[in-house]
Protein backbone atom coordinates (compact mmCIF):
# COMPACT_ATOMS: atom_id res chain seq x y z
CA UNK A 1 13.98 -23.28 -43.36
CA UNK A 2 13.09 -19.60 -43.51
CA UNK A 3 14.78 -19.25 -46.91
CA UNK A 4 12.70 -22.17 -48.21
CA UNK A 5 9.51 -20.59 -46.94
CA UNK A 6 10.40 -17.22 -48.47
CA UNK A 7 11.12 -18.93 -51.78
CA UNK A 8 7.72 -20.60 -51.74
CA UNK A 9 6.03 -17.31 -50.90
CA UNK A 10 7.78 -15.58 -53.84
CA UNK A 11 6.80 -18.46 -56.11
CA UNK A 12 3.18 -18.22 -54.94
CA UNK A 13 3.17 -14.47 -55.45
CA UNK A 14 4.47 -14.91 -58.98
CA UNK A 15 1.81 -17.51 -59.81
CA UNK A 16 -0.92 -15.31 -58.37
CA UNK A 17 0.25 -12.33 -60.43
CA UNK A 18 0.32 -14.48 -63.58
CA UNK A 19 -3.19 -15.70 -62.82
CA UNK A 20 -4.47 -12.15 -62.33
CA UNK A 21 -3.06 -11.14 -65.72
CA UNK A 22 -4.61 -14.21 -67.34
CA UNK A 23 -8.00 -13.30 -65.83
CA UNK A 24 -8.07 -10.20 -68.04
CA UNK A 25 -8.56 -12.50 -71.03
CA UNK A 26 -11.21 -14.73 -69.42
CA UNK A 27 -14.74 -13.46 -69.97
CA UNK A 28 -18.03 -14.32 -68.31
CA UNK A 29 -21.57 -13.29 -69.19
CA UNK A 30 -24.45 -12.30 -66.96
CA UNK A 31 -27.97 -12.19 -68.35
CA UNK A 32 -31.41 -10.99 -67.34
CA UNK A 33 -34.86 -11.70 -68.77
CA UNK A 34 -33.76 -14.64 -70.90
CA UNK A 35 -30.89 -12.75 -72.49
CA UNK A 36 -32.73 -9.50 -73.21
CA UNK A 37 -29.90 -7.83 -71.30
CA UNK A 38 -26.37 -9.24 -71.38
CA UNK A 39 -23.32 -7.99 -69.53
CA UNK A 40 -19.84 -9.30 -70.30
CA UNK A 41 -17.06 -8.98 -67.76
CA UNK A 42 -13.50 -10.16 -67.42
CA UNK A 43 -12.74 -12.55 -64.58
CA UNK A 44 -10.98 -9.56 -63.00
CA UNK A 45 -14.44 -8.00 -62.68
CA UNK A 46 -14.11 -5.34 -65.38
CA UNK A 47 -17.27 -4.81 -67.42
CA UNK A 48 -16.39 -4.89 -71.12
CA UNK A 49 -19.77 -4.94 -72.86
CA UNK A 50 -23.47 -4.38 -72.22
CA UNK A 51 -26.12 -5.30 -74.77
CA UNK A 52 -29.86 -4.68 -74.61
CA UNK A 53 -32.25 -6.30 -77.06
CA UNK A 54 -34.03 -4.07 -79.55
CA UNK A 55 -37.37 -5.41 -78.34
CA UNK A 56 -36.68 -4.30 -74.79
CA UNK A 57 -35.62 -0.84 -75.95
CA UNK A 58 -38.75 -0.52 -78.09
CA UNK A 59 -40.89 -1.24 -75.05
CA UNK A 60 -39.33 1.91 -73.63
CA UNK A 61 -39.71 1.08 -69.93
CA UNK A 62 -36.65 2.88 -68.54
CA UNK A 63 -37.05 1.54 -64.98
CA UNK A 64 -37.34 -2.05 -66.21
CA UNK A 65 -34.25 -1.68 -68.40
CA UNK A 66 -32.25 -0.18 -65.52
CA UNK A 67 -33.31 -3.02 -63.21
CA UNK A 68 -32.42 -5.66 -65.79
CA UNK A 69 -29.00 -4.07 -66.43
CA UNK A 70 -28.38 -4.13 -62.69
CA UNK A 71 -29.40 -7.80 -62.43
CA UNK A 72 -27.28 -8.83 -65.43
CA UNK A 73 -24.29 -6.87 -64.11
CA UNK A 74 -24.51 -8.51 -60.71
CA UNK A 75 -24.83 -11.93 -62.37
CA UNK A 76 -21.73 -11.28 -64.49
CA UNK A 77 -19.72 -10.03 -61.52
CA UNK A 78 -20.82 -13.04 -59.47
CA UNK A 79 -19.59 -15.40 -62.18
CA UNK A 80 -16.35 -13.43 -62.48
CA UNK A 81 -15.80 -13.74 -58.74
CA UNK A 82 -16.25 -17.53 -58.91
CA UNK A 83 -13.73 -17.85 -61.75
CA UNK A 84 -11.27 -15.50 -60.04
CA UNK A 85 -11.44 -17.33 -56.69
CA UNK A 86 -11.03 -20.70 -58.36
CA UNK A 87 -7.99 -19.48 -60.28
CA UNK A 88 -6.41 -17.97 -57.16
CA UNK A 89 -6.95 -21.20 -55.23
CA UNK A 90 -5.30 -23.13 -58.04
CA UNK A 91 -2.35 -20.74 -58.13
CA UNK A 92 -1.74 -21.06 -54.40
CA UNK A 93 -2.42 -24.81 -54.13
CA UNK A 94 0.63 -26.78 -53.13
CA UNK A 95 2.62 -23.72 -52.23
CA UNK A 96 0.65 -21.99 -49.52
CA UNK A 97 -0.59 -23.75 -46.41
CA UNK A 98 -4.30 -24.57 -46.44
CA UNK A 99 -5.71 -21.69 -44.43
CA UNK A 100 -9.53 -21.66 -44.53
CA UNK A 101 -10.94 -18.44 -45.94
CA UNK A 102 -7.65 -17.28 -47.40
CA UNK A 103 -8.97 -17.43 -50.99
């Protein structure tokens, strides 16, 4: 019985590692002010791109731009977290016992 459980744990670990690698190729976008600022992140929560509209830069309000970048970044990371958690739940489903709050 213990060998069977250890086998399932190794299988789950392998699936989780595969999912984490796959999340490097999944991208999400966070936006602020109707797309004036866009932040792209991988599902592993690595920021890969930030774009700011020319119009916003021409306005030249540094504090506003900084705030919008912060909002867009947090939106992107929030979306990445949702995708990551969903993927991890899928990887562990059927192998791990259903323990609330585990993923």
